Amino acid sequence: IVFSLEFVSTMVQTLNLILLTASELHGLRVLLSKAFDRSTSDGNKVIKKEDGNADDLFDTLFKCWCHSPVATFSFCLLA
């Protein structure tokens, strides 16, 4: 099955809006935010992986979200 880039971009934008606003997806947003633990050590920013499932989820969704630059940016801010 072949989809046009316009369709994929529109679909990603729609899914991004749902991810950011739907209260039912709060658990998914929390899981995504745990994909990286941002903590400081000696003044340097250190990124430690918390959960393999969260990392896999982020990696999978990131590949899809890359079809829309604005959605990608908000997705990365969420994580």
C-alpha atoms as a PDB file:
ATOM      1  CA  ILE A   1       0.000   0.000   0.000  1.00  0.00           C
ATOM      2  CA  VAL A   2       1.375   3.390  -0.998  1.00  0.00           C
ATOM      3  CA  PHE A   3       0.262   6.580   0.748  1.00  0.00           C
ATOM      4  CA  SER A   4       0.925  10.103  -0.422  1.00  0.00           C
ATOM      5  CA  LEU A   5       3.169  12.308   1.714  1.00  0.00           C
ATOM      6  CA  GLU A   6       0.322  14.790   2.091  1.00  0.00           C
ATOM      7  CA  PHE A   7      -1.927  12.100   3.579  1.00  0.00           C
ATOM      8  CA  VAL A   8       0.800  10.857   5.935  1.00  0.00           C
ATOM      9  CA  SER A   9       1.622  14.394   7.064  1.00  0.00           C
ATOM     10  CA  THR A  10      -2.045  15.171   7.746  1.00  0.00           C
ATOM     11  CA  MET A  11      -2.492  11.904   9.631  1.00  0.00           C
ATOM     12  CA  VAL A  12       0.593  12.555  11.791  1.00  0.00           C
ATOM     13  CA  GLN A  13      -0.616  16.088  12.582  1.00  0.00           C
ATOM     14  CA  THR A  14      -4.011  14.707  13.611  1.00  0.00           C
ATOM     15  CA  LEU A  15      -2.485  11.961  15.767  1.00  0.00           C
ATOM     16  CA  ASN A  16      -0.128  14.499  17.340  1.00  0.00           C
ATOM     17  CA  LEU A  17      -3.048  16.758  18.275  1.00  0.00           C
ATOM     18  CA  ILE A  18      -4.854  13.794  19.819  1.00  0.00           C
ATOM     19  CA  LEU A  19      -1.709  12.709  21.707  1.00  0.00           C
ATOM     20  CA  LEU A  20      -1.207  16.199  23.137  1.00  0.00           C
ATOM     21  CA  THR A  21      -4.816  16.911  24.117  1.00  0.00           C
ATOM     22  CA  ALA A  22      -6.763  13.711  24.862  1.00  0.00           C
ATOM     23  CA  SER A  23      -7.087  12.967  28.552  1.00  0.00           C
ATOM     24  CA  GLU A  24      -7.357   9.259  27.729  1.00  0.00           C
ATOM     25  CA  LEU A  25      -3.741   9.298  26.537  1.00  0.00           C
ATOM     26  CA  HIS A  26      -2.275  10.681  29.758  1.00  0.00           C
ATOM     27  CA  GLY A  27      -0.626   7.317  30.499  1.00  0.00           C
ATOM     28  CA  LEU A  28       1.005   7.278  27.070  1.00  0.00           C
ATOM     29  CA  ARG A  29       2.320  10.816  27.585  1.00  0.00           C
ATOM     30  CA  VAL A  30       3.769   9.766  30.950  1.00  0.00           C
ATOM     31  CA  LEU A  31       5.421   6.712  29.373  1.00  0.00           C
ATOM     32  CA  LEU A  32       6.922   8.874  26.635  1.00  0.00           C
ATOM     33  CA  SER A  33       8.214  11.367  29.176  1.00  0.00           C
ATOM     34  CA  LYS A  34      10.029   8.485  30.887  1.00  0.00           C
ATOM     35  CA  ALA A  35      11.829   7.581  27.653  1.00  0.00           C
ATOM     36  CA  PHE A  36      14.728   9.736  28.870  1.00  0.00           C
ATOM     37  CA  ASP A  37      15.623  10.687  32.415  1.00  0.00           C
ATOM     38  CA  ARG A  38      17.150  14.133  32.289  1.00  0.00           C
ATOM     39  CA  SER A  39      19.284  14.771  35.321  1.00  0.00           C
ATOM     40  CA  THR A  40      22.342  16.830  36.034  1.00  0.00           C
ATOM     41  CA  SER A  41      25.629  15.455  37.249  1.00  0.00           C
ATOM     42  CA  ASP A  42      28.433  17.907  38.049  1.00  0.00           C
ATOM     43  CA  GLY A  43      26.669  20.620  36.057  1.00  0.00           C
ATOM     44  CA  ASN A  44      26.524  18.514  32.910  1.00  0.00           C
ATOM     45  CA  LYS A  45      23.327  17.220  31.426  1.00  0.00           C
ATOM     46  CA  VAL A  46      23.194  13.442  31.530  1.00  0.00           C
ATOM     47  CA  ILE A  47      20.555  11.402  29.737  1.00  0.00           C
ATOM     48  CA  LYS A  48      19.911   7.994  31.243  1.00  0.00           C
ATOM     49  CA  LYS A  49      17.518   5.439  29.825  1.00  0.00           C
ATOM     50  CA  GLU A  50      14.736   4.524  32.221  1.00  0.00           C
ATOM     51  CA  ASP A  51      12.623   1.926  30.486  1.00  0.00           C
ATOM     52  CA  GLY A  52      13.262  -0.136  27.361  1.00  0.00           C
ATOM     53  CA  ASN A  53       9.579  -0.095  26.432  1.00  0.00           C
ATOM     54  CA  ALA A  54       9.463   3.700  26.630  1.00  0.00           C
ATOM     55  CA  ASP A  55      12.559   3.936  24.437  1.00  0.00           C
ATOM     56  CA  ASP A  56      11.089   1.567  21.848  1.00  0.00           C
ATOM     57  CA  LEU A  57       7.822   3.495  21.850  1.00  0.00           C
ATOM     58  CA  PHE A  58       9.634   6.790  21.366  1.00  0.00           C
ATOM     59  CA  ASP A  59      11.785   5.383  18.538  1.00  0.00           C
ATOM     60  CA  THR A  60       8.789   3.922  16.718  1.00  0.00           C
ATOM     61  CA  LEU A  61       6.604   7.006  17.000  1.00  0.00           C
ATOM     62  CA  PHE A  62       9.498   9.334  16.165  1.00  0.00           C
ATOM     63  CA  LYS A  63       9.964   7.626  12.792  1.00  0.00           C
ATOM     64  CA  CYS A  64       6.315   8.330  11.979  1.00  0.00           C
ATOM     65  CA  TRP A  65       6.269  11.844  13.419  1.00  0.00           C
ATOM     66  CA  CYS A  66       9.206  12.853  11.171  1.00  0.00           C
ATOM     67  CA  HIS A  67       6.720  13.339   8.324  1.00  0.00           C
ATOM     68  CA  SER A  68       5.600  16.570  10.003  1.00  0.00           C
ATOM     69  CA  PRO A  69       8.249  18.982  11.332  1.00  0.00           C
ATOM     70  CA  VAL A  70       5.900  20.762  13.757  1.00  0.00           C
ATOM     71  CA  ALA A  71       4.562  17.473  15.108  1.00  0.00           C
ATOM     72  CA  THR A  72       8.123  16.182  15.500  1.00  0.00           C
ATOM     73  CA  PHE A  73       9.132  19.255  17.473  1.00  0.00           C
ATOM     74  CA  SER A  74       6.149  19.008  19.857  1.00  0.00           C
ATOM     75  CA  PHE A  75       6.702  15.243  20.193  1.00  0.00           C
ATOM     76  CA  CYS A  76      10.324  15.794  21.223  1.00  0.00           C
ATOM     77  CA  LEU A  77       9.270  18.448  23.732  1.00  0.00           C
ATOM     78  CA  LEU A  78       6.774  15.994  25.176  1.00  0.00           C
ATOM     79  CA  ALA A  79       9.462  13.337  25.643  1.00  0.00           C
END
